[in-house]
Amino acid sequence: MMEYLNRYLPEDISVWKAREAPERFHSRLNALRKTYRYQIEMGLKKDVFERHYYYGLGQMLDIERMKAASALLTGTHDYRSFCGNRKMKKSTVRTIEAISFTCPGDSRLHILYTGSGFLQQMVRILTGTLIEVGLGRRKPEEMTWILESMDRQAAGFTAPSEGLFLEQVEYGDLI
């Protein structure tokens, strides 16, 4: 089955492992934890071979300020201010277990978000807000006010989709 899938899937999608799941298994609803990675190129020019996989910000960020802001965003909160769907009728309460930062090069930044679930465009809006903190346009302590406001207009811009990857989905013992 994997050979068949890999033959007919687009070249940028690859199946590495497959196993049987329970009949009532749902890939989104049964997920216990997800990790997203957002990649930012802070240098003036993106790498020609990886330019489609990084958001080309072209400005250096103050990562320490971003870490301080992210500490206020982790935990269980109502993330309505970070939801791209203005008409969301379901609960917007989610748990973000961790937001971490790695620098795999002089001008590259990876932000990893791990949580129980994410709202529409939530990771991109969180990233845009953290970028504004890293550029000095917002103070880290504003994150508390943004969460409490329950207003999408209070949060930062929606970072572009380039650079965003679903890195891992955990299902526990379900599969």
N, C-alpha and C. Protein backbone atom coordinates (compact mmCIF):
# COMPACT_ATOMS: atom_id res chain seq x y z
N MET A 1 0.82 -1.18 0.00
CA MET A 1 0.00 0.00 0.00
C MET A 1 0.87 1.26 0.00
N MET A 2 1.95 1.26 0.80
CA MET A 2 2.82 2.43 0.85
C MET A 2 3.45 2.70 -0.52
N GLU A 3 3.87 1.64 -1.19
CA GLU A 3 4.46 1.80 -2.51
C GLU A 3 3.45 2.43 -3.47
N TYR A 4 2.22 1.98 -3.43
CA TYR A 4 1.17 2.52 -4.29
C TYR A 4 0.92 4.00 -3.97
N LEU A 5 0.79 4.33 -2.68
CA LEU A 5 0.55 5.72 -2.28
C LEU A 5 1.69 6.62 -2.73
N ASN A 6 2.90 6.21 -2.49
CA ASN A 6 4.05 7.04 -2.85
C ASN A 6 4.19 7.21 -4.37
N ARG A 7 3.73 6.23 -5.14
CA ARG A 7 3.79 6.34 -6.59
C ARG A 7 2.84 7.42 -7.10
N TYR A 8 1.66 7.56 -6.47
CA TYR A 8 0.63 8.45 -7.01
C TYR A 8 0.46 9.77 -6.24
N LEU A 9 1.09 9.89 -5.10
CA LEU A 9 1.03 11.16 -4.37
C LEU A 9 1.94 12.18 -5.05
N PRO A 10 1.66 13.47 -4.88
CA PRO A 10 2.58 14.49 -5.43
C PRO A 10 3.98 14.28 -4.86
N GLU A 11 4.99 14.77 -5.57
CA GLU A 11 6.39 14.55 -5.17
C GLU A 11 6.74 15.15 -3.82
N ASP A 12 6.00 16.16 -3.37
CA ASP A 12 6.34 16.78 -2.09
C ASP A 12 5.62 16.13 -0.91
N ILE A 13 4.97 14.98 -1.15
CA ILE A 13 4.34 14.20 -0.08
C ILE A 13 4.88 12.79 -0.14
N SER A 14 5.26 12.25 1.03
CA SER A 14 5.81 10.91 1.08
C SER A 14 5.25 10.18 2.30
N VAL A 15 4.87 8.93 2.13
CA VAL A 15 4.40 8.09 3.24
C VAL A 15 5.60 7.30 3.74
N TRP A 16 5.91 7.46 5.01
CA TRP A 16 7.06 6.77 5.62
C TRP A 16 6.64 5.52 6.37
N LYS A 17 5.45 5.58 6.96
CA LYS A 17 5.00 4.46 7.78
C LYS A 17 3.48 4.40 7.70
N ALA A 18 2.94 3.20 7.69
CA ALA A 18 1.49 3.02 7.68
C ALA A 18 1.16 1.84 8.57
N ARG A 19 0.04 1.96 9.29
CA ARG A 19 -0.44 0.83 10.09
C ARG A 19 -1.94 0.93 10.23
N GLU A 20 -2.55 -0.16 10.56
CA GLU A 20 -4.00 -0.22 10.67
C GLU A 20 -4.47 0.52 11.92
N ALA A 21 -5.56 1.24 11.79
CA ALA A 21 -6.15 2.00 12.90
C ALA A 21 -7.53 1.44 13.20
N PRO A 22 -8.03 1.68 14.42
CA PRO A 22 -9.39 1.23 14.74
C PRO A 22 -10.42 1.82 13.75
N GLU A 23 -11.51 1.12 13.55
CA GLU A 23 -12.52 1.53 12.57
C GLU A 23 -13.05 2.94 12.82
N ARG A 24 -13.20 3.36 14.06
CA ARG A 24 -13.76 4.67 14.38
C ARG A 24 -12.69 5.74 14.60
N PHE A 25 -11.46 5.44 14.20
CA PHE A 25 -10.36 6.38 14.36
C PHE A 25 -10.56 7.60 13.47
N HIS A 26 -10.28 8.79 14.02
CA HIS A 26 -10.35 10.04 13.26
C HIS A 26 -9.03 10.77 13.46
N SER A 27 -8.33 11.05 12.37
CA SER A 27 -6.97 11.60 12.46
C SER A 27 -6.91 12.95 13.17
N ARG A 28 -7.93 13.76 13.08
CA ARG A 28 -7.91 15.07 13.75
C ARG A 28 -8.49 14.98 15.16
N LEU A 29 -9.65 14.34 15.29
CA LEU A 29 -10.33 14.32 16.58
C LEU A 29 -9.65 13.43 17.62
N ASN A 30 -8.93 12.42 17.20
CA ASN A 30 -8.25 11.52 18.14
C ASN A 30 -6.83 11.94 18.48
N ALA A 31 -6.36 13.03 17.94
CA ALA A 31 -4.99 13.49 18.23
C ALA A 31 -4.91 13.98 19.68
N LEU A 32 -3.90 13.53 20.39
CA LEU A 32 -3.68 13.96 21.77
C LEU A 32 -2.81 15.21 21.82
N ARG A 33 -1.90 15.31 20.87
CA ARG A 33 -0.93 16.42 20.88
C ARG A 33 -0.42 16.63 19.45
N LYS A 34 -0.22 17.90 19.12
CA LYS A 34 0.33 18.25 17.81
C LYS A 34 1.50 19.20 18.01
N THR A 35 2.46 19.10 17.12
CA THR A 35 3.58 20.04 17.12
C THR A 35 3.70 20.66 15.74
N TYR A 36 3.66 21.98 15.71
CA TYR A 36 3.87 22.74 14.48
C TYR A 36 5.23 23.42 14.55
N ARG A 37 5.86 23.56 13.40
CA ARG A 37 7.13 24.28 13.31
C ARG A 37 6.95 25.43 12.33
N TYR A 38 7.39 26.62 12.75
CA TYR A 38 7.36 27.78 11.85
C TYR A 38 8.79 28.23 11.64
N GLN A 39 9.20 28.31 10.36
CA GLN A 39 10.58 28.63 10.01
C GLN A 39 10.67 30.05 9.45
N ILE A 40 11.60 30.82 10.00
CA ILE A 40 11.79 32.21 9.61
C ILE A 40 13.23 32.42 9.16
N GLU A 41 13.38 33.07 8.02
CA GLU A 41 14.70 33.51 7.56
C GLU A 41 14.83 34.98 7.92
N MET A 42 15.75 35.28 8.82
CA MET A 42 15.94 36.66 9.28
C MET A 42 16.96 37.40 8.43
N GLY A 43 17.74 36.68 7.64
CA GLY A 43 18.74 37.32 6.78
C GLY A 43 18.09 38.08 5.63
N LEU A 44 18.89 38.86 4.96
CA LEU A 44 18.36 39.70 3.89
C LEU A 44 17.87 38.91 2.68
N LYS A 45 18.46 37.74 2.43
CA LYS A 45 18.07 36.95 1.26
C LYS A 45 17.89 35.50 1.67
N LYS A 46 16.81 34.89 1.17
CA LYS A 46 16.55 33.49 1.47
C LYS A 46 17.44 32.58 0.63
N ASP A 47 17.76 31.42 1.18
CA ASP A 47 18.50 30.39 0.47
C ASP A 47 17.70 29.98 -0.77
N VAL A 48 18.34 29.97 -1.92
CA VAL A 48 17.66 29.70 -3.17
C VAL A 48 17.00 28.31 -3.19
N PHE A 49 17.56 27.35 -2.47
CA PHE A 49 17.03 25.99 -2.49
C PHE A 49 15.93 25.78 -1.45
N GLU A 50 15.86 26.61 -0.44
CA GLU A 50 14.87 26.43 0.63
C GLU A 50 13.92 27.61 0.76
N ARG A 51 13.90 28.48 -0.21
CA ARG A 51 13.12 29.71 -0.10
C ARG A 51 11.62 29.47 0.06
N HIS A 52 11.12 28.36 -0.42
CA HIS A 52 9.69 28.06 -0.30
C HIS A 52 9.33 27.51 1.08
N TYR A 53 10.34 27.24 1.88
CA TYR A 53 10.11 26.61 3.18
C TYR A 53 10.38 27.54 4.35
N TYR A 54 10.69 28.79 4.08
CA TYR A 54 10.96 29.78 5.12
C TYR A 54 10.20 31.06 4.82
N TYR A 55 9.70 31.69 5.88
CA TYR A 55 9.14 33.03 5.73
C TYR A 55 10.32 33.99 5.69
N GLY A 56 10.45 34.72 4.61
CA GLY A 56 11.58 35.63 4.43
C GLY A 56 11.32 36.97 5.10
N LEU A 57 11.55 37.05 6.38
CA LEU A 57 11.33 38.28 7.13
C LEU A 57 12.37 39.33 6.78
N GLY A 58 13.64 38.92 6.69
CA GLY A 58 14.70 39.85 6.31
C GLY A 58 15.11 40.82 7.40
N GLN A 59 14.76 40.53 8.64
CA GLN A 59 15.14 41.37 9.79
C GLN A 59 15.48 40.46 10.96
N MET A 60 16.47 40.85 11.74
CA MET A 60 16.85 40.06 12.92
C MET A 60 15.81 40.30 14.02
N LEU A 61 15.56 39.25 14.78
CA LEU A 61 14.58 39.29 15.86
C LEU A 61 15.26 39.16 17.21
N ASP A 62 14.68 39.79 18.22
CA ASP A 62 15.14 39.65 19.60
C ASP A 62 14.46 38.42 20.18
N ILE A 63 15.15 37.30 20.13
CA ILE A 63 14.57 36.02 20.53
C ILE A 63 14.28 35.98 22.03
N GLU A 64 15.09 36.65 22.83
CA GLU A 64 14.84 36.66 24.27
C GLU A 64 13.50 37.32 24.60
N ARG A 65 13.19 38.41 23.91
CA ARG A 65 11.89 39.06 24.09
C ARG A 65 10.75 38.12 23.66
N MET A 66 10.99 37.40 22.58
CA MET A 66 9.98 36.46 22.08
C MET A 66 9.77 35.32 23.07
N LYS A 67 10.84 34.86 23.69
CA LYS A 67 10.72 33.80 24.71
C LYS A 67 9.91 34.29 25.90
N ALA A 68 10.15 35.52 26.32
CA ALA A 68 9.40 36.09 27.45
C ALA A 68 7.92 36.17 27.11
N ALA A 69 7.59 36.58 25.90
CA ALA A 69 6.20 36.66 25.47
C ALA A 69 5.57 35.28 25.39
N SER A 70 6.32 34.31 24.85
CA SER A 70 5.77 32.97 24.68
C SER A 70 5.48 32.30 26.02
N ALA A 71 6.23 32.65 27.05
CA ALA A 71 5.95 32.09 28.38
C ALA A 71 4.56 32.48 28.86
N LEU A 72 4.09 33.65 28.46
CA LEU A 72 2.75 34.12 28.85
C LEU A 72 1.66 33.49 27.99
N LEU A 73 2.04 32.93 26.86
CA LEU A 73 1.07 32.32 25.95
C LEU A 73 0.89 30.83 26.18
N THR A 74 1.78 30.20 26.94
CA THR A 74 1.65 28.76 27.19
C THR A 74 0.68 28.52 28.33
N GLY A 75 0.14 27.31 28.35
CA GLY A 75 -0.85 26.94 29.37
C GLY A 75 -2.22 26.79 28.73
N THR A 76 -3.23 26.69 29.56
CA THR A 76 -4.61 26.57 29.08
C THR A 76 -5.25 27.94 29.14
N HIS A 77 -5.66 28.43 27.98
CA HIS A 77 -6.26 29.76 27.86
C HIS A 77 -7.37 29.73 26.82
N ASP A 78 -8.16 30.78 26.80
CA ASP A 78 -9.08 31.01 25.70
C ASP A 78 -8.30 31.80 24.66
N TYR A 79 -8.04 31.18 23.52
CA TYR A 79 -7.21 31.79 22.47
C TYR A 79 -8.05 32.45 21.38
N ARG A 80 -9.24 32.93 21.72
CA ARG A 80 -10.11 33.58 20.74
C ARG A 80 -9.38 34.70 19.99
N SER A 81 -8.52 35.44 20.68
CA SER A 81 -7.77 36.53 20.05
C SER A 81 -6.81 36.03 18.97
N PHE A 82 -6.49 34.74 18.99
CA PHE A 82 -5.55 34.16 18.04
C PHE A 82 -6.25 33.22 17.06
N CYS A 83 -7.55 33.39 16.89
CA CYS A 83 -8.33 32.55 15.98
C CYS A 83 -8.67 33.32 14.72
N GLY A 84 -8.41 32.72 13.56
CA GLY A 84 -8.69 33.36 12.29
C GLY A 84 -10.15 33.29 11.88
N ASN A 85 -10.93 32.47 12.56
CA ASN A 85 -12.36 32.32 12.24
C ASN A 85 -13.17 33.21 13.18
N ARG A 86 -13.62 34.35 12.69
CA ARG A 86 -14.36 35.32 13.52
C ARG A 86 -15.70 34.79 13.98
N LYS A 87 -16.25 33.81 13.28
CA LYS A 87 -17.58 33.28 13.61
C LYS A 87 -17.50 31.94 14.35
N MET A 88 -16.38 31.67 14.98
CA MET A 88 -16.17 30.40 15.68
C MET A 88 -17.22 30.23 16.77
N LYS A 89 -17.98 29.15 16.69
CA LYS A 89 -19.05 28.91 17.67
C LYS A 89 -18.64 27.92 18.75
N LYS A 90 -17.65 27.10 18.44
CA LYS A 90 -17.17 26.12 19.42
C LYS A 90 -16.20 26.78 20.38
N SER A 91 -15.82 26.05 21.39
CA SER A 91 -14.90 26.56 22.40
C SER A 91 -13.56 26.92 21.76
N THR A 92 -13.00 28.03 22.20
CA THR A 92 -11.67 28.45 21.73
C THR A 92 -10.63 28.25 22.82
N VAL A 93 -10.97 27.48 23.83
CA VAL A 93 -10.02 27.15 24.89
C VAL A 93 -9.13 26.01 24.40
N ARG A 94 -7.84 26.21 24.51
CA ARG A 94 -6.86 25.21 24.10
C ARG A 94 -5.73 25.21 25.12
N THR A 95 -4.88 24.20 25.04
CA THR A 95 -3.70 24.12 25.89
C THR A 95 -2.46 24.08 25.00
N ILE A 96 -1.59 25.05 25.20
CA ILE A 96 -0.27 25.02 24.55
C ILE A 96 0.72 24.60 25.62
N GLU A 97 1.31 23.44 25.42
CA GLU A 97 2.25 22.90 26.40
C GLU A 97 3.61 23.58 26.33
N ALA A 98 4.03 23.91 25.12
CA ALA A 98 5.36 24.51 24.98
C ALA A 98 5.47 25.31 23.69
N ILE A 99 6.23 26.39 23.78
CA ILE A 99 6.66 27.15 22.61
C ILE A 99 8.17 27.24 22.76
N SER A 100 8.90 26.67 21.80
CA SER A 100 10.36 26.68 21.91
C SER A 100 10.98 27.27 20.66
N PHE A 101 12.22 27.71 20.81
CA PHE A 101 12.93 28.42 19.75
C PHE A 101 14.28 27.74 19.51
N THR A 102 14.60 27.51 18.25
CA THR A 102 15.92 27.01 17.90
C THR A 102 16.45 27.85 16.73
N CYS A 103 17.75 27.98 16.68
CA CYS A 103 18.41 28.73 15.60
C CYS A 103 19.37 27.79 14.87
N PRO A 104 18.90 27.16 13.78
CA PRO A 104 19.75 26.21 13.06
C PRO A 104 20.80 26.87 12.16
N GLY A 105 20.98 28.15 12.28
CA GLY A 105 21.96 28.89 11.49
C GLY A 105 22.02 30.31 12.00
N ASP A 106 22.92 31.10 11.44
CA ASP A 106 23.08 32.48 11.90
C ASP A 106 21.84 33.33 11.71
N SER A 107 21.09 33.06 10.66
CA SER A 107 19.96 33.94 10.37
C SER A 107 18.62 33.21 10.29
N ARG A 108 18.59 32.00 10.80
CA ARG A 108 17.35 31.21 10.75
C ARG A 108 16.79 30.98 12.15
N LEU A 109 15.47 31.03 12.23
CA LEU A 109 14.79 30.79 13.49
C LEU A 109 13.66 29.79 13.25
N HIS A 110 13.59 28.78 14.10
CA HIS A 110 12.48 27.83 14.09
C HIS A 110 11.72 28.01 15.40
N ILE A 111 10.42 28.14 15.31
CA ILE A 111 9.56 28.21 16.50
C ILE A 111 8.70 26.96 16.48
N LEU A 112 8.75 26.20 17.58
CA LEU A 112 7.94 24.98 17.70
C LEU A 112 6.83 25.20 18.70
N TYR A 113 5.61 24.85 18.30
CA TYR A 113 4.42 24.98 19.13
C TYR A 113 3.87 23.58 19.38
N THR A 114 3.77 23.18 20.64
CA THR A 114 3.20 21.88 20.99
C THR A 114 1.99 22.10 21.87
N GLY A 115 0.88 21.48 21.47
CA GLY A 115 -0.34 21.64 22.25
C GLY A 115 -1.36 20.56 21.94
N SER A 116 -2.46 20.62 22.68
CA SER A 116 -3.52 19.63 22.52
C SER A 116 -4.32 19.84 21.25
N GLY A 117 -4.31 21.04 20.73
CA GLY A 117 -5.04 21.35 19.51
C GLY A 117 -4.88 22.83 19.22
N PHE A 118 -5.15 23.22 17.98
CA PHE A 118 -4.97 24.60 17.58
C PHE A 118 -6.18 25.06 16.78
N LEU A 119 -6.50 26.33 16.90
CA LEU A 119 -7.60 26.94 16.17
C LEU A 119 -7.16 27.29 14.75
N GLN A 120 -8.13 27.67 13.92
CA GLN A 120 -7.83 28.07 12.55
C GLN A 120 -6.84 29.23 12.55
N GLN A 121 -5.74 29.08 11.86
CA GLN A 121 -4.67 30.07 11.71
C GLN A 121 -4.00 30.47 13.03
N MET A 122 -4.23 29.72 14.09
CA MET A 122 -3.71 30.08 15.41
C MET A 122 -2.19 30.17 15.43
N VAL A 123 -1.51 29.19 14.86
CA VAL A 123 -0.05 29.18 14.89
C VAL A 123 0.49 30.37 14.09
N ARG A 124 -0.12 30.67 12.98
CA ARG A 124 0.33 31.80 12.16
C ARG A 124 0.09 33.14 12.86
N ILE A 125 -1.01 33.26 13.58
CA ILE A 125 -1.29 34.51 14.32
C ILE A 125 -0.37 34.63 15.52
N LEU A 126 -0.15 33.53 16.23
CA LEU A 126 0.82 33.54 17.34
C LEU A 126 2.19 33.95 16.82
N THR A 127 2.59 33.38 15.69
CA THR A 127 3.89 33.70 15.11
C THR A 127 3.98 35.17 14.73
N GLY A 128 2.96 35.69 14.08
CA GLY A 128 2.95 37.10 13.71
C GLY A 128 3.07 38.01 14.93
N THR A 129 2.38 37.64 16.00
CA THR A 129 2.43 38.42 17.24
C THR A 129 3.82 38.35 17.86
N LEU A 130 4.40 37.15 17.89
CA LEU A 130 5.75 37.00 18.44
C LEU A 130 6.79 37.73 17.58
N ILE A 131 6.60 37.75 16.29
CA ILE A 131 7.50 38.52 15.42
C ILE A 131 7.43 39.99 15.78
N GLU A 132 6.23 40.51 16.01
CA GLU A 132 6.09 41.92 16.39
C GLU A 132 6.81 42.19 17.72
N VAL A 133 6.77 41.24 18.63
CA VAL A 133 7.52 41.37 19.89
C VAL A 133 9.02 41.38 19.59
N GLY A 134 9.46 40.45 18.75
CA GLY A 134 10.87 40.33 18.40
C GLY A 134 11.41 41.54 17.66
N LEU A 135 10.53 42.28 16.98
CA LEU A 135 10.94 43.50 16.28
C LEU A 135 10.83 44.74 17.17
N GLY A 136 10.35 44.55 18.40
CA GLY A 136 10.22 45.68 19.32
C GLY A 136 8.95 46.49 19.14
N ARG A 137 8.02 46.01 18.36
CA ARG A 137 6.76 46.72 18.13
C ARG A 137 5.73 46.47 19.21
N ARG A 138 5.93 45.41 19.98
CA ARG A 138 5.06 45.05 21.11
C ARG A 138 5.94 44.67 22.29
N LYS A 139 5.37 44.80 23.47
CA LYS A 139 6.06 44.37 24.68
C LYS A 139 5.63 42.94 25.01
N PRO A 140 6.54 42.13 25.54
CA PRO A 140 6.17 40.76 25.89
C PRO A 140 4.96 40.68 26.83
N GLU A 141 4.88 41.61 27.78
CA GLU A 141 3.79 41.55 28.76
C GLU A 141 2.42 41.86 28.17
N GLU A 142 2.35 42.32 26.92
CA GLU A 142 1.07 42.56 26.26
C GLU A 142 0.31 41.27 25.98
N MET A 143 0.99 40.12 26.02
CA MET A 143 0.34 38.85 25.69
C MET A 143 -0.83 38.57 26.63
N THR A 144 -0.68 38.93 27.90
CA THR A 144 -1.77 38.72 28.86
C THR A 144 -2.99 39.52 28.47
N TRP A 145 -2.78 40.79 28.11
CA TRP A 145 -3.89 41.65 27.69
C TRP A 145 -4.53 41.12 26.41
N ILE A 146 -3.71 40.65 25.46
CA ILE A 146 -4.25 40.13 24.20
C ILE A 146 -5.15 38.92 24.47
N LEU A 147 -4.69 38.01 25.32
CA LEU A 147 -5.51 36.84 25.67
C LEU A 147 -6.82 37.26 26.31
N GLU A 148 -6.75 38.19 27.25
CA GLU A 148 -7.94 38.62 27.98
C GLU A 148 -8.92 39.40 27.12
N SER A 149 -8.43 40.07 26.09
CA SER A 149 -9.29 40.91 25.26
C SER A 149 -10.30 40.10 24.44
N MET A 150 -9.96 38.85 24.11
CA MET A 150 -10.82 37.98 23.29
C MET A 150 -11.16 38.66 21.96
N ASP A 151 -10.21 39.41 21.43
CA ASP A 151 -10.44 40.20 20.22
C ASP A 151 -9.31 39.95 19.23
N ARG A 152 -9.63 39.41 18.07
CA ARG A 152 -8.62 39.11 17.06
C ARG A 152 -7.81 40.35 16.68
N GLN A 153 -8.43 41.53 16.71
CA GLN A 153 -7.74 42.76 16.35
C GLN A 153 -6.63 43.13 17.34
N ALA A 154 -6.67 42.57 18.55
CA ALA A 154 -5.65 42.87 19.56
C ALA A 154 -4.34 42.15 19.28
N ALA A 155 -4.41 41.00 18.61
CA ALA A 155 -3.22 40.20 18.33
C ALA A 155 -2.50 40.74 17.09
N GLY A 156 -1.35 40.17 16.81
CA GLY A 156 -0.53 40.62 15.68
C GLY A 156 -1.03 40.11 14.35
N PHE A 157 -0.22 40.36 13.34
CA PHE A 157 -0.59 39.97 11.97
C PHE A 157 -0.54 38.45 11.81
N THR A 158 -1.18 37.96 10.79
CA THR A 158 -1.14 36.54 10.47
C THR A 158 0.08 36.30 9.59
N ALA A 159 1.04 35.57 10.13
CA ALA A 159 2.25 35.26 9.37
C ALA A 159 1.86 34.43 8.15
N PRO A 160 2.60 34.56 7.05
CA PRO A 160 2.25 33.80 5.84
C PRO A 160 2.41 32.30 6.05
N SER A 161 1.74 31.54 5.20
CA SER A 161 1.75 30.09 5.35
C SER A 161 3.10 29.47 5.01
N GLU A 162 3.90 30.15 4.17
CA GLU A 162 5.21 29.59 3.87
C GLU A 162 6.02 29.57 5.18
N GLY A 163 6.66 28.49 5.44
CA GLY A 163 7.41 28.36 6.69
C GLY A 163 6.68 27.56 7.75
N LEU A 164 5.40 27.25 7.53
CA LEU A 164 4.61 26.52 8.53
C LEU A 164 4.55 25.04 8.17
N PHE A 165 4.87 24.21 9.15
CA PHE A 165 4.85 22.76 8.95
C PHE A 165 4.18 22.08 10.14
N LEU A 166 3.35 21.09 9.86
CA LEU A 166 2.85 20.20 10.90
C LEU A 166 3.95 19.16 11.08
N GLU A 167 4.63 19.23 12.20
CA GLU A 167 5.80 18.39 12.41
C GLU A 167 5.45 17.02 12.98
N GLN A 168 4.50 16.98 13.92
CA GLN A 168 4.21 15.70 14.57
C GLN A 168 2.80 15.70 15.11
N VAL A 169 2.14 14.54 15.03
CA VAL A 169 0.83 14.33 15.64
C VAL A 169 0.96 13.08 16.50
N GLU A 170 0.56 13.19 17.76
CA GLU A 170 0.66 12.05 18.69
C GLU A 170 -0.73 11.54 19.04
N TYR A 171 -0.87 10.20 18.99
CA TYR A 171 -2.14 9.57 19.27
C TYR A 171 -2.12 8.66 20.50
N GLY A 172 -1.01 8.57 21.17
CA GLY A 172 -0.91 7.68 22.33
C GLY A 172 -1.03 6.23 21.89
N ASP A 173 -1.82 5.46 22.62
CA ASP A 173 -1.97 4.03 22.35
C ASP A 173 -3.05 3.71 21.31
N LEU A 174 -3.68 4.75 20.73
CA LEU A 174 -4.76 4.50 19.77
C LEU A 174 -4.30 3.79 18.53
N ILE A 175 -3.10 4.13 18.05
CA ILE A 175 -2.59 3.46 16.85
C ILE A 175 -1.15 3.06 17.07
